[in-house]
Full PDB file with SEQRES, HELIX, SHEET, SSBOND, CRYST1, ORIGX, SCALE, CONECT and MASTER records, all heavy atoms in Angstrom:
SEQRES   1 A   38  CYS MET PRO ARG ILE ILE ASN ASP TYR GLY ARG CYS ASP          
SEQRES   2 A   38  GLY LEU ILE ASN ASN ALA ARG ALA GLY GLN ARG THR VAL          
SEQRES   3 A   38  PRO LEU GLN GLU THR ALA LYS ASN ILE GLY ASP SER              
HELIX    1 AA1 MET A    2  TYR A    9  1                                   8    
HELIX    2 AA2 ALA A   32  ASP A   37  1                                   6    
CRYST1    1.000    1.000    1.000  90.00  90.00  90.00 P 1           1          
ORIGX1      1.000000  0.000000  0.000000        0.00000                         
ORIGX2      0.000000  1.000000  0.000000        0.00000                         
ORIGX3      0.000000  0.000000  1.000000        0.00000                         
SCALE1      1.000000  0.000000  0.000000        0.00000                         
SCALE2      0.000000  1.000000  0.000000        0.00000                         
SCALE3      0.000000  0.000000  1.000000        0.00000                         
ATOM      1  N   CYS A   1     -50.841 -22.657  31.708  1.00  0.00           N  
ATOM      2  CA  CYS A   1     -51.229 -23.379  30.502  1.00  0.00           C  
ATOM      3  C   CYS A   1     -51.154 -24.897  30.646  1.00  0.00           C  
ATOM      4  O   CYS A   1     -52.154 -25.603  30.481  1.00  0.00           O  
ATOM      5  CB  CYS A   1     -50.354 -22.909  29.352  1.00  0.00           C  
ATOM      6  SG  CYS A   1     -50.954 -23.437  27.752  1.00  0.00           S  
ATOM      7  N   MET A   2     -49.982 -25.427  30.925  1.00  0.00           N  
ATOM      8  CA  MET A   2     -49.808 -26.878  30.981  1.00  0.00           C  
ATOM      9  C   MET A   2     -50.610 -27.514  32.117  1.00  0.00           C  
ATOM     10  O   MET A   2     -51.242 -28.563  31.902  1.00  0.00           O  
ATOM     11  CB  MET A   2     -48.327 -27.226  31.086  1.00  0.00           C  
ATOM     12  CG  MET A   2     -48.022 -28.681  30.798  1.00  0.00           C  
ATOM     13  SD  MET A   2     -48.435 -29.207  29.101  1.00  0.00           S  
ATOM     14  CE  MET A   2     -47.199 -28.316  28.156  1.00  0.00           C  
ATOM     15  N   PRO A   3     -50.635 -26.925  33.333  1.00  0.00           N  
ATOM     16  CA  PRO A   3     -51.497 -27.502  34.376  1.00  0.00           C  
ATOM     17  C   PRO A   3     -52.962 -27.576  33.956  1.00  0.00           C  
ATOM     18  O   PRO A   3     -53.661 -28.547  34.273  1.00  0.00           O  
ATOM     19  CB  PRO A   3     -51.297 -26.544  35.555  1.00  0.00           C  
ATOM     20  CG  PRO A   3     -49.937 -25.969  35.347  1.00  0.00           C  
ATOM     21  CD  PRO A   3     -49.809 -25.823  33.861  1.00  0.00           C  
ATOM     22  N   ARG A   4     -53.420 -26.567  33.223  1.00  0.00           N  
ATOM     23  CA  ARG A   4     -54.812 -26.579  32.752  1.00  0.00           C  
ATOM     24  C   ARG A   4     -55.042 -27.709  31.759  1.00  0.00           C  
ATOM     25  O   ARG A   4     -56.057 -28.414  31.835  1.00  0.00           O  
ATOM     26  CB  ARG A   4     -55.149 -25.231  32.111  1.00  0.00           C  
ATOM     27  CG  ARG A   4     -56.520 -25.178  31.456  1.00  0.00           C  
ATOM     28  CD  ARG A   4     -56.778 -23.827  30.824  1.00  0.00           C  
ATOM     29  NE  ARG A   4     -57.984 -23.846  30.011  1.00  0.00           N  
ATOM     30  CZ  ARG A   4     -58.425 -22.800  29.323  1.00  0.00           C  
ATOM     31  NH1 ARG A   4     -57.766 -21.650  29.355  1.00  0.00           N  
ATOM     32  NH2 ARG A   4     -59.530 -22.892  28.595  1.00  0.00           N  
ATOM     33  N   ILE A   5     -54.115 -27.894  30.843  1.00  0.00           N  
ATOM     34  CA  ILE A   5     -54.259 -28.956  29.842  1.00  0.00           C  
ATOM     35  C   ILE A   5     -54.251 -30.329  30.508  1.00  0.00           C  
ATOM     36  O   ILE A   5     -55.079 -31.194  30.200  1.00  0.00           O  
ATOM     37  CB  ILE A   5     -53.129 -28.852  28.792  1.00  0.00           C  
ATOM     38  CG1 ILE A   5     -53.322 -27.591  27.939  1.00  0.00           C  
ATOM     39  CG2 ILE A   5     -53.091 -30.098  27.904  1.00  0.00           C  
ATOM     40  CD1 ILE A   5     -52.148 -27.264  27.056  1.00  0.00           C  
ATOM     41  N   ILE A   6     -53.323 -30.542  31.438  1.00  0.00           N  
ATOM     42  CA  ILE A   6     -53.234 -31.836  32.127  1.00  0.00           C  
ATOM     43  C   ILE A   6     -54.495 -32.097  32.943  1.00  0.00           C  
ATOM     44  O   ILE A   6     -55.000 -33.222  32.995  1.00  0.00           O  
ATOM     45  CB  ILE A   6     -51.969 -31.872  33.005  1.00  0.00           C  
ATOM     46  CG1 ILE A   6     -50.725 -31.858  32.119  1.00  0.00           C  
ATOM     47  CG2 ILE A   6     -51.984 -33.103  33.907  1.00  0.00           C  
ATOM     48  CD1 ILE A   6     -49.437 -31.620  32.869  1.00  0.00           C  
ATOM     49  N   ASN A   7     -55.031 -31.048  33.539  1.00  0.00           N  
ATOM     50  CA  ASN A   7     -56.268 -31.206  34.306  1.00  0.00           C  
ATOM     51  C   ASN A   7     -57.448 -31.543  33.394  1.00  0.00           C  
ATOM     52  O   ASN A   7     -58.265 -32.422  33.713  1.00  0.00           O  
ATOM     53  CB  ASN A   7     -56.565 -29.922  35.082  1.00  0.00           C  
ATOM     54  CG  ASN A   7     -57.847 -30.018  35.893  1.00  0.00           C  
ATOM     55  OD1 ASN A   7     -57.914 -30.727  36.887  1.00  0.00           O  
ATOM     56  ND2 ASN A   7     -58.876 -29.291  35.473  1.00  0.00           N  
ATOM     57  N   ASP A   8     -57.533 -30.867  32.245  1.00  0.00           N  
ATOM     58  CA  ASP A   8     -58.666 -31.057  31.338  1.00  0.00           C  
ATOM     59  C   ASP A   8     -58.594 -32.377  30.572  1.00  0.00           C  
ATOM     60  O   ASP A   8     -59.630 -32.998  30.293  1.00  0.00           O  
ATOM     61  CB  ASP A   8     -58.746 -29.906  30.334  1.00  0.00           C  
ATOM     62  CG  ASP A   8     -59.161 -28.596  30.989  1.00  0.00           C  
ATOM     63  OD1 ASP A   8     -59.578 -28.628  32.171  1.00  0.00           O  
ATOM     64  OD2 ASP A   8     -59.052 -27.546  30.332  1.00  0.00           O  
ATOM     65  N   TYR A   9     -57.380 -32.814  30.196  1.00  0.00           N  
ATOM     66  CA  TYR A   9     -57.236 -33.994  29.346  1.00  0.00           C  
ATOM     67  C   TYR A   9     -56.673 -35.205  30.087  1.00  0.00           C  
ATOM     68  O   TYR A   9     -56.611 -36.299  29.532  1.00  0.00           O  
ATOM     69  CB  TYR A   9     -56.344 -33.670  28.145  1.00  0.00           C  
ATOM     70  CG  TYR A   9     -56.981 -32.670  27.201  1.00  0.00           C  
ATOM     71  CD1 TYR A   9     -56.799 -31.302  27.386  1.00  0.00           C  
ATOM     72  CD2 TYR A   9     -57.769 -33.096  26.135  1.00  0.00           C  
ATOM     73  CE1 TYR A   9     -57.386 -30.383  26.544  1.00  0.00           C  
ATOM     74  CE2 TYR A   9     -58.356 -32.182  25.284  1.00  0.00           C  
ATOM     75  CZ  TYR A   9     -58.162 -30.824  25.484  1.00  0.00           C  
ATOM     76  OH  TYR A   9     -58.765 -29.912  24.655  1.00  0.00           O  
ATOM     77  N   GLY A  10     -56.226 -34.998  31.307  1.00  0.00           N  
ATOM     78  CA  GLY A  10     -55.756 -36.115  32.118  1.00  0.00           C  
ATOM     79  C   GLY A  10     -54.322 -36.523  31.890  1.00  0.00           C  
ATOM     80  O   GLY A  10     -53.777 -37.343  32.634  1.00  0.00           O  
ATOM     81  N   ARG A  11     -53.670 -35.934  30.891  1.00  0.00           N  
ATOM     82  CA  ARG A  11     -52.293 -36.312  30.592  1.00  0.00           C  
ATOM     83  C   ARG A  11     -51.724 -35.369  29.534  1.00  0.00           C  
ATOM     84  O   ARG A  11     -52.458 -34.612  28.894  1.00  0.00           O  
ATOM     85  CB  ARG A  11     -52.216 -37.747  30.069  1.00  0.00           C  
ATOM     86  CG  ARG A  11     -52.970 -37.964  28.758  1.00  0.00           C  
ATOM     87  CD  ARG A  11     -53.035 -39.430  28.371  1.00  0.00           C  
ATOM     88  NE  ARG A  11     -51.714 -39.971  28.079  1.00  0.00           N  
ATOM     89  CZ  ARG A  11     -51.450 -41.280  28.104  1.00  0.00           C  
ATOM     90  NH1 ARG A  11     -52.405 -42.144  28.411  1.00  0.00           N  
ATOM     91  NH2 ARG A  11     -50.236 -41.711  27.808  1.00  0.00           N  
ATOM     92  N   CYS A  12     -50.422 -35.444  29.337  1.00  0.00           N  
ATOM     93  CA  CYS A  12     -49.764 -34.783  28.207  1.00  0.00           C  
ATOM     94  C   CYS A  12     -48.550 -35.630  27.836  1.00  0.00           C  
ATOM     95  O   CYS A  12     -47.690 -35.891  28.672  1.00  0.00           O  
ATOM     96  CB  CYS A  12     -49.337 -33.359  28.548  1.00  0.00           C  
ATOM     97  SG  CYS A  12     -48.559 -32.511  27.142  1.00  0.00           S  
ATOM     98  N   ASP A  13     -48.503 -36.073  26.595  1.00  0.00           N  
ATOM     99  CA  ASP A  13     -47.446 -36.980  26.137  1.00  0.00           C  
ATOM    100  C   ASP A  13     -46.349 -36.286  25.341  1.00  0.00           C  
ATOM    101  O   ASP A  13     -45.287 -36.872  25.128  1.00  0.00           O  
ATOM    102  CB  ASP A  13     -48.067 -38.095  25.290  1.00  0.00           C  
ATOM    103  CG  ASP A  13     -49.055 -38.919  26.081  1.00  0.00           C  
ATOM    104  OD1 ASP A  13     -48.627 -39.807  26.814  1.00  0.00           O  
ATOM    105  OD2 ASP A  13     -50.274 -38.642  25.987  1.00  0.00           O  
ATOM    106  N   GLY A  14     -46.617 -35.076  24.887  1.00  0.00           N  
ATOM    107  CA  GLY A  14     -45.592 -34.405  24.106  1.00  0.00           C  
ATOM    108  C   GLY A  14     -45.932 -32.958  23.838  1.00  0.00           C  
ATOM    109  O   GLY A  14     -47.101 -32.549  23.867  1.00  0.00           O  
ATOM    110  N   LEU A  15     -44.890 -32.171  23.602  1.00  0.00           N  
ATOM    111  CA  LEU A  15     -45.013 -30.740  23.347  1.00  0.00           C  
ATOM    112  C   LEU A  15     -44.213 -30.401  22.103  1.00  0.00           C  
ATOM    113  O   LEU A  15     -43.035 -30.754  22.005  1.00  0.00           O  
ATOM    114  CB  LEU A  15     -44.493 -29.952  24.552  1.00  0.00           C  
ATOM    115  CG  LEU A  15     -44.242 -28.455  24.366  1.00  0.00           C  
ATOM    116  CD1 LEU A  15     -45.552 -27.716  24.128  1.00  0.00           C  
ATOM    117  CD2 LEU A  15     -43.521 -27.889  25.605  1.00  0.00           C  
ATOM    118  N   ILE A  16     -44.856 -29.720  21.158  1.00  0.00           N  
ATOM    119  CA  ILE A  16     -44.162 -29.258  19.957  1.00  0.00           C  
ATOM    120  C   ILE A  16     -44.157 -27.742  19.978  1.00  0.00           C  
ATOM    121  O   ILE A  16     -45.199 -27.090  19.809  1.00  0.00           O  
ATOM    122  CB  ILE A  16     -44.829 -29.780  18.662  1.00  0.00           C  
ATOM    123  CG1 ILE A  16     -44.808 -31.309  18.627  1.00  0.00           C  
ATOM    124  CG2 ILE A  16     -44.098 -29.224  17.438  1.00  0.00           C  
ATOM    125  CD1 ILE A  16     -46.022 -31.969  19.219  1.00  0.00           C  
ATOM    126  N   ASN A  17     -42.985 -27.152  20.203  1.00  0.00           N  
ATOM    127  CA  ASN A  17     -42.826 -25.703  20.244  1.00  0.00           C  
ATOM    128  C   ASN A  17     -42.541 -25.199  18.834  1.00  0.00           C  
ATOM    129  O   ASN A  17     -41.404 -25.249  18.356  1.00  0.00           O  
ATOM    130  CB  ASN A  17     -41.681 -25.327  21.190  1.00  0.00           C  
ATOM    131  CG  ASN A  17     -42.017 -25.585  22.637  1.00  0.00           C  
ATOM    132  OD1 ASN A  17     -43.033 -25.113  23.135  1.00  0.00           O  
ATOM    133  ND2 ASN A  17     -41.178 -26.351  23.328  1.00  0.00           N  
ATOM    134  N   ASN A  18     -43.588 -24.721  18.175  1.00  0.00           N  
ATOM    135  CA  ASN A  18     -43.475 -24.318  16.776  1.00  0.00           C  
ATOM    136  C   ASN A  18     -43.684 -22.823  16.557  1.00  0.00           C  
ATOM    137  O   ASN A  18     -43.191 -22.267  15.577  1.00  0.00           O  
ATOM    138  CB  ASN A  18     -44.516 -25.101  15.954  1.00  0.00           C  
ATOM    139  CG  ASN A  18     -44.723 -24.525  14.576  1.00  0.00           C  
ATOM    140  OD1 ASN A  18     -43.901 -24.690  13.689  1.00  0.00           O  
ATOM    141  ND2 ASN A  18     -45.835 -23.816  14.395  1.00  0.00           N  
ATOM    142  N   ALA A  19     -44.388 -22.146  17.461  1.00  0.00           N  
ATOM    143  CA  ALA A  19     -44.788 -20.759  17.231  1.00  0.00           C  
ATOM    144  C   ALA A  19     -43.578 -19.828  17.113  1.00  0.00           C  
ATOM    145  O   ALA A  19     -42.537 -20.044  17.735  1.00  0.00           O  
ATOM    146  CB  ALA A  19     -45.693 -20.284  18.360  1.00  0.00           C  
ATOM    147  N   ARG A  20     -43.774 -18.796  16.314  1.00  0.00           N  
ATOM    148  CA  ARG A  20     -42.776 -17.741  16.179  1.00  0.00           C  
ATOM    149  C   ARG A  20     -43.487 -16.394  16.142  1.00  0.00           C  
ATOM    150  O   ARG A  20     -44.700 -16.315  15.937  1.00  0.00           O  
ATOM    151  CB  ARG A  20     -41.947 -17.908  14.902  1.00  0.00           C  
ATOM    152  CG  ARG A  20     -42.768 -17.843  13.622  1.00  0.00           C  
ATOM    153  CD  ARG A  20     -41.911 -17.676  12.388  1.00  0.00           C  
ATOM    154  NE  ARG A  20     -41.282 -16.363  12.329  1.00  0.00           N  
ATOM    155  CZ  ARG A  20     -40.594 -15.905  11.259  1.00  0.00           C  
ATOM    156  NH1 ARG A  20     -40.449 -16.685  10.202  1.00  0.00           N  
ATOM    157  NH2 ARG A  20     -40.063 -14.716  11.274  1.00  0.00           N  
ATOM    158  N   ALA A  21     -42.730 -15.341  16.344  1.00  0.00           N  
ATOM    159  CA  ALA A  21     -43.282 -13.991  16.276  1.00  0.00           C  
ATOM    160  C   ALA A  21     -42.198 -13.067  15.725  1.00  0.00           C  
ATOM    161  O   ALA A  21     -41.051 -13.478  15.516  1.00  0.00           O  
ATOM    162  CB  ALA A  21     -43.765 -13.515  17.644  1.00  0.00           C  
ATOM    163  N   GLY A  22     -42.570 -11.816  15.515  1.00  0.00           N  
ATOM    164  CA  GLY A  22     -41.625 -10.871  14.932  1.00  0.00           C  
ATOM    165  C   GLY A  22     -41.743 -10.842  13.421  1.00  0.00           C  
ATOM    166  O   GLY A  22     -42.258 -11.770  12.809  1.00  0.00           O  
ATOM    167  N   GLN A  23     -41.239  -9.781  12.836  1.00  0.00           N  
ATOM    168  CA  GLN A  23     -41.330  -9.580  11.397  1.00  0.00           C  
ATOM    169  C   GLN A  23     -39.963  -9.726  10.738  1.00  0.00           C  
ATOM    170  O   GLN A  23     -38.932  -9.472  11.346  1.00  0.00           O  
ATOM    171  CB  GLN A  23     -41.872  -8.173  11.099  1.00  0.00           C  
ATOM    172  CG  GLN A  23     -43.241  -7.903  11.715  1.00  0.00           C  
ATOM    173  CD  GLN A  23     -44.308  -8.811  11.156  1.00  0.00           C  
ATOM    174  OE1 GLN A  23     -44.377  -9.056   9.946  1.00  0.00           O  
ATOM    175  NE2 GLN A  23     -45.176  -9.318  12.035  1.00  0.00           N  
ATOM    176  N   ARG A  24     -39.975 -10.183   9.464  1.00  0.00           N  
ATOM    177  CA  ARG A  24     -38.732 -10.188   8.692  1.00  0.00           C  
ATOM    178  C   ARG A  24     -38.335  -8.740   8.431  1.00  0.00           C  
ATOM    179  O   ARG A  24     -39.149  -7.948   7.953  1.00  0.00           O  
ATOM    180  CB  ARG A  24     -38.943 -10.936   7.376  1.00  0.00           C  
ATOM    181  CG  ARG A  24     -37.683 -11.004   6.522  1.00  0.00           C  
ATOM    182  CD  ARG A  24     -37.912 -11.806   5.256  1.00  0.00           C  
ATOM    183  NE  ARG A  24     -38.144 -13.219   5.557  1.00  0.00           N  
ATOM    184  CZ  ARG A  24     -38.353 -14.140   4.621  1.00  0.00           C  
ATOM    185  NH1 ARG A  24     -38.379 -13.806   3.349  1.00  0.00           N  
ATOM    186  NH2 ARG A  24     -38.556 -15.394   4.976  1.00  0.00           N  
ATOM    187  N   THR A  25     -37.113  -8.391   8.743  1.00  0.00           N  
ATOM    188  CA  THR A  25     -36.677  -7.006   8.636  1.00  0.00           C  
ATOM    189  C   THR A  25     -35.495  -6.877   7.672  1.00  0.00           C  
ATOM    190  O   THR A  25     -34.827  -7.855   7.329  1.00  0.00           O  
ATOM    191  CB  THR A  25     -36.238  -6.463  10.005  1.00  0.00           C  
ATOM    192  OG1 THR A  25     -35.112  -7.219  10.471  1.00  0.00           O  
ATOM    193  CG2 THR A  25     -37.365  -6.569  11.020  1.00  0.00           C  
ATOM    194  N   VAL A  26     -35.251  -5.641   7.267  1.00  0.00           N  
ATOM    195  CA  VAL A  26     -34.055  -5.340   6.483  1.00  0.00           C  
ATOM    196  C   VAL A  26     -32.833  -5.588   7.365  1.00  0.00           C  
ATOM    197  O   VAL A  26     -32.849  -5.252   8.559  1.00  0.00           O  
ATOM    198  CB  VAL A  26     -34.075  -3.871   6.010  1.00  0.00           C  
ATOM    199  CG1 VAL A  26     -32.783  -3.510   5.285  1.00  0.00           C  
ATOM    200  CG2 VAL A  26     -35.295  -3.614   5.130  1.00  0.00           C  
ATOM    201  N   PRO A  27     -31.770  -6.206   6.831  1.00  0.00           N  
ATOM    202  CA  PRO A  27     -30.578  -6.469   7.650  1.00  0.00           C  
ATOM    203  C   PRO A  27     -30.096  -5.222   8.388  1.00  0.00           C  
ATOM    204  O   PRO A  27     -30.045  -4.133   7.840  1.00  0.00           O  
ATOM    205  CB  PRO A  27     -29.551  -6.946   6.620  1.00  0.00           C  
ATOM    206  CG  PRO A  27     -30.380  -7.583   5.549  1.00  0.00           C  
ATOM    207  CD  PRO A  27     -31.624  -6.749   5.463  1.00  0.00           C  
ATOM    208  N   LEU A  28     -29.780  -5.424   9.653  1.00  0.00           N  
ATOM    209  CA  LEU A  28     -29.259  -4.386  10.531  1.00  0.00           C  
ATOM    210  C   LEU A  28     -30.268  -3.287  10.829  1.00  0.00           C  
ATOM    211  O   LEU A  28     -29.890  -2.207  11.300  1.00  0.00           O  
ATOM    212  CB  LEU A  28     -27.961  -3.778   9.956  1.00  0.00           C  
ATOM    213  CG  LEU A  28     -26.832  -4.770   9.643  1.00  0.00           C  
ATOM    214  CD1 LEU A  28     -25.605  -4.038   9.129  1.00  0.00           C  
ATOM    215  CD2 LEU A  28     -26.484  -5.589  10.877  1.00  0.00           C  
ATOM    216  N   GLN A  29     -31.549  -3.548  10.591  1.00  0.00           N  
ATOM    217  CA  GLN A  29     -32.597  -2.574  10.882  1.00  0.00           C  
ATOM    218  C   GLN A  29     -33.586  -3.113  11.913  1.00  0.00           C  
ATOM    219  O   GLN A  29     -34.750  -2.766  11.907  1.00  0.00           O  
ATOM    220  CB  GLN A  29     -33.344  -2.192   9.587  1.00  0.00           C  
ATOM    221  CG  GLN A  29     -32.489  -1.529   8.540  1.00  0.00           C  
ATOM    222  CD  GLN A  29     -31.940  -0.187   9.001  1.00  0.00           C  
ATOM    223  OE1 GLN A  29     -32.660   0.595   9.608  1.00  0.00           O  
ATOM    224  NE2 GLN A  29     -30.677   0.077   8.722  1.00  0.00           N  
ATOM    225  N   GLU A  30     -33.093  -3.964  12.801  1.00  0.00           N  
ATOM    226  CA  GLU A  30     -33.946  -4.574  13.822  1.00  0.00           C  
ATOM    227  C   GLU A  30     -34.390  -3.535  14.849  1.00  0.00           C  
ATOM    228  O   GLU A  30     -33.665  -2.610  15.173  1.00  0.00           O  
ATOM    229  CB  GLU A  30     -33.156  -5.672  14.543  1.00  0.00           C  
ATOM    230  CG  GLU A  30     -34.014  -6.616  15.340  1.00  0.00           C  
ATOM    231  CD  GLU A  30     -34.545  -7.761  14.500  1.00  0.00           C  
ATOM    232  OE1 GLU A  30     -33.738  -8.480  13.903  1.00  0.00           O  
ATOM    233  OE2 GLU A  30     -35.768  -7.928  14.448  1.00  0.00           O  
ATOM    234  N   THR A  31     -35.619  -3.704  15.345  1.00  0.00           N  
ATOM    235  CA  THR A  31     -36.111  -2.832  16.420  1.00  0.00           C  
ATOM    236  C   THR A  31     -36.151  -3.611  17.731  1.00  0.00           C  
ATOM    237  O   THR A  31     -36.220  -4.842  17.738  1.00  0.00           O  
ATOM    238  CB  THR A  31     -37.523  -2.314  16.106  1.00  0.00           C  
ATOM    239  OG1 THR A  31     -38.438  -3.419  16.087  1.00  0.00           O  
ATOM    240  CG2 THR A  31     -37.548  -1.592  14.768  1.00  0.00           C  
ATOM    241  N   ALA A  32     -36.161  -2.885  18.829  1.00  0.00           N  
ATOM    242  CA  ALA A  32     -36.225  -3.533  20.137  1.00  0.00           C  
ATOM    243  C   ALA A  32     -37.515  -4.333  20.282  1.00  0.00           C  
ATOM    244  O   ALA A  32     -37.520  -5.427  20.853  1.00  0.00           O  
ATOM    245  CB  ALA A  32     -36.118  -2.483  21.240  1.00  0.00           C  
ATOM    246  N   LYS A  33     -38.616  -3.798  19.754  1.00  0.00           N  
ATOM    247  CA  LYS A  33     -39.892  -4.509  19.842  1.00  0.00           C  
ATOM    248  C   LYS A  33     -39.841  -5.823  19.074  1.00  0.00           C  
ATOM    249  O   LYS A  33     -40.318  -6.861  19.540  1.00  0.00           O  
ATOM    250  CB  LYS A  33     -41.031  -3.648  19.313  1.00  0.00           C  
ATOM    251  CG  LYS A  33     -42.397  -4.326  19.444  1.00  0.00           C  
ATOM    252  CD  LYS A  33     -43.516  -3.472  18.892  1.00  0.00           C  
ATOM    253  CE  LYS A  33     -44.880  -4.124  19.145  1.00  0.00           C  
ATOM    254  NZ  LYS A  33     -44.961  -5.520  18.703  1.00  0.00           N  
ATOM    255  N   ASN A  34     -39.267  -5.796  17.868  1.00  0.00           N  
ATOM    256  CA  ASN A  34     -39.187  -7.013  17.058  1.00  0.00           C  
ATOM    257  C   ASN A  34     -38.326  -8.068  17.753  1.00  0.00           C  
ATOM    258  O   ASN A  34     -38.652  -9.255  17.752  1.00  0.00           O  
ATOM    259  CB  ASN A  34     -38.622  -6.693  15.674  1.00  0.00           C  
ATOM    260  CG  ASN A  34     -39.119  -7.660  14.617  1.00  0.00           C  
ATOM    261  OD1 ASN A  34     -40.319  -7.855  14.457  1.00  0.00           O  
ATOM    262  ND2 ASN A  34     -38.192  -8.288  13.901  1.00  0.00           N  
ATOM    263  N   ILE A  35     -37.240  -7.627  18.347  1.00  0.00           N  
ATOM    264  CA  ILE A  35     -36.379  -8.547  19.095  1.00  0.00           C  
ATOM    265  C   ILE A  35     -37.150  -9.145  20.268  1.00  0.00           C  
ATOM    266  O   ILE A  35     -37.122 -10.359  20.498  1.00  0.00           O  
ATOM    267  CB  ILE A  35     -35.116  -7.822  19.600  1.00  0.00           C  
ATOM    268  CG1 ILE A  35     -34.260  -7.362  18.418  1.00  0.00           C  
ATOM    269  CG2 ILE A  35     -34.310  -8.726  20.532  1.00  0.00           C  
ATOM    270  CD1 ILE A  35     -33.125  -6.433  18.805  1.00  0.00           C  
ATOM    271  N   GLY A  36     -37.843  -8.303  21.005  1.00  0.00           N  
ATOM    272  CA  GLY A  36     -38.603  -8.770  22.152  1.00  0.00           C  
ATOM    273  C   GLY A  36     -39.705  -9.745  21.764  1.00  0.00           C  
ATOM    274  O   GLY A  36     -39.890 -10.782  22.425  1.00  0.00           O  
ATOM    275  N   ASP A  37     -40.438  -9.438  20.684  1.00  0.00           N  
ATOM    276  CA  ASP A  37     -41.509 -10.330  20.220  1.00  0.00           C  
ATOM    277  C   ASP A  37     -40.954 -11.694  19.847  1.00  0.00           C  
ATOM    278  O   ASP A  37     -41.527 -12.733  20.192  1.00  0.00           O  
ATOM    279  CB  ASP A  37     -42.228  -9.719  19.014  1.00  0.00           C  
ATOM    280  CG  ASP A  37     -43.073  -8.508  19.382  1.00  0.00           C  
ATOM    281  OD1 ASP A  37     -43.339  -8.308  20.585  1.00  0.00           O  
ATOM    282  OD2 ASP A  37     -43.465  -7.763  18.456  1.00  0.00           O  
ATOM    283  N   SER A  38     -39.838 -11.700  19.127  1.00  0.00           N  
ATOM    284  CA  SER A  38     -39.238 -12.953  18.682  1.00  0.00           C  
ATOM    285  C   SER A  38     -38.787 -13.805  19.857  1.00  0.00           C  
ATOM    286  O   SER A  38     -39.045 -15.017  19.902  1.00  0.00           O  
ATOM    287  CB  SER A  38     -38.052 -12.652  17.754  1.00  0.00           C  
ATOM    288  OG  SER A  38     -37.495 -13.841  17.250  1.00  0.00           O  
TER     289      SER A  38                                                      
MASTER        0    0    0    2    0    0    0    6  288    1    0    3          
END                                                                             
């Protein structure tokens, strides 16, 4: 990803890691998949 961006745009000045995944679950009812996605 980053090598492609630097090649296409010539530079990268900053990265904002904002993405999230997984679903809001009932307390103590987490699944392995939800943990892995998050």
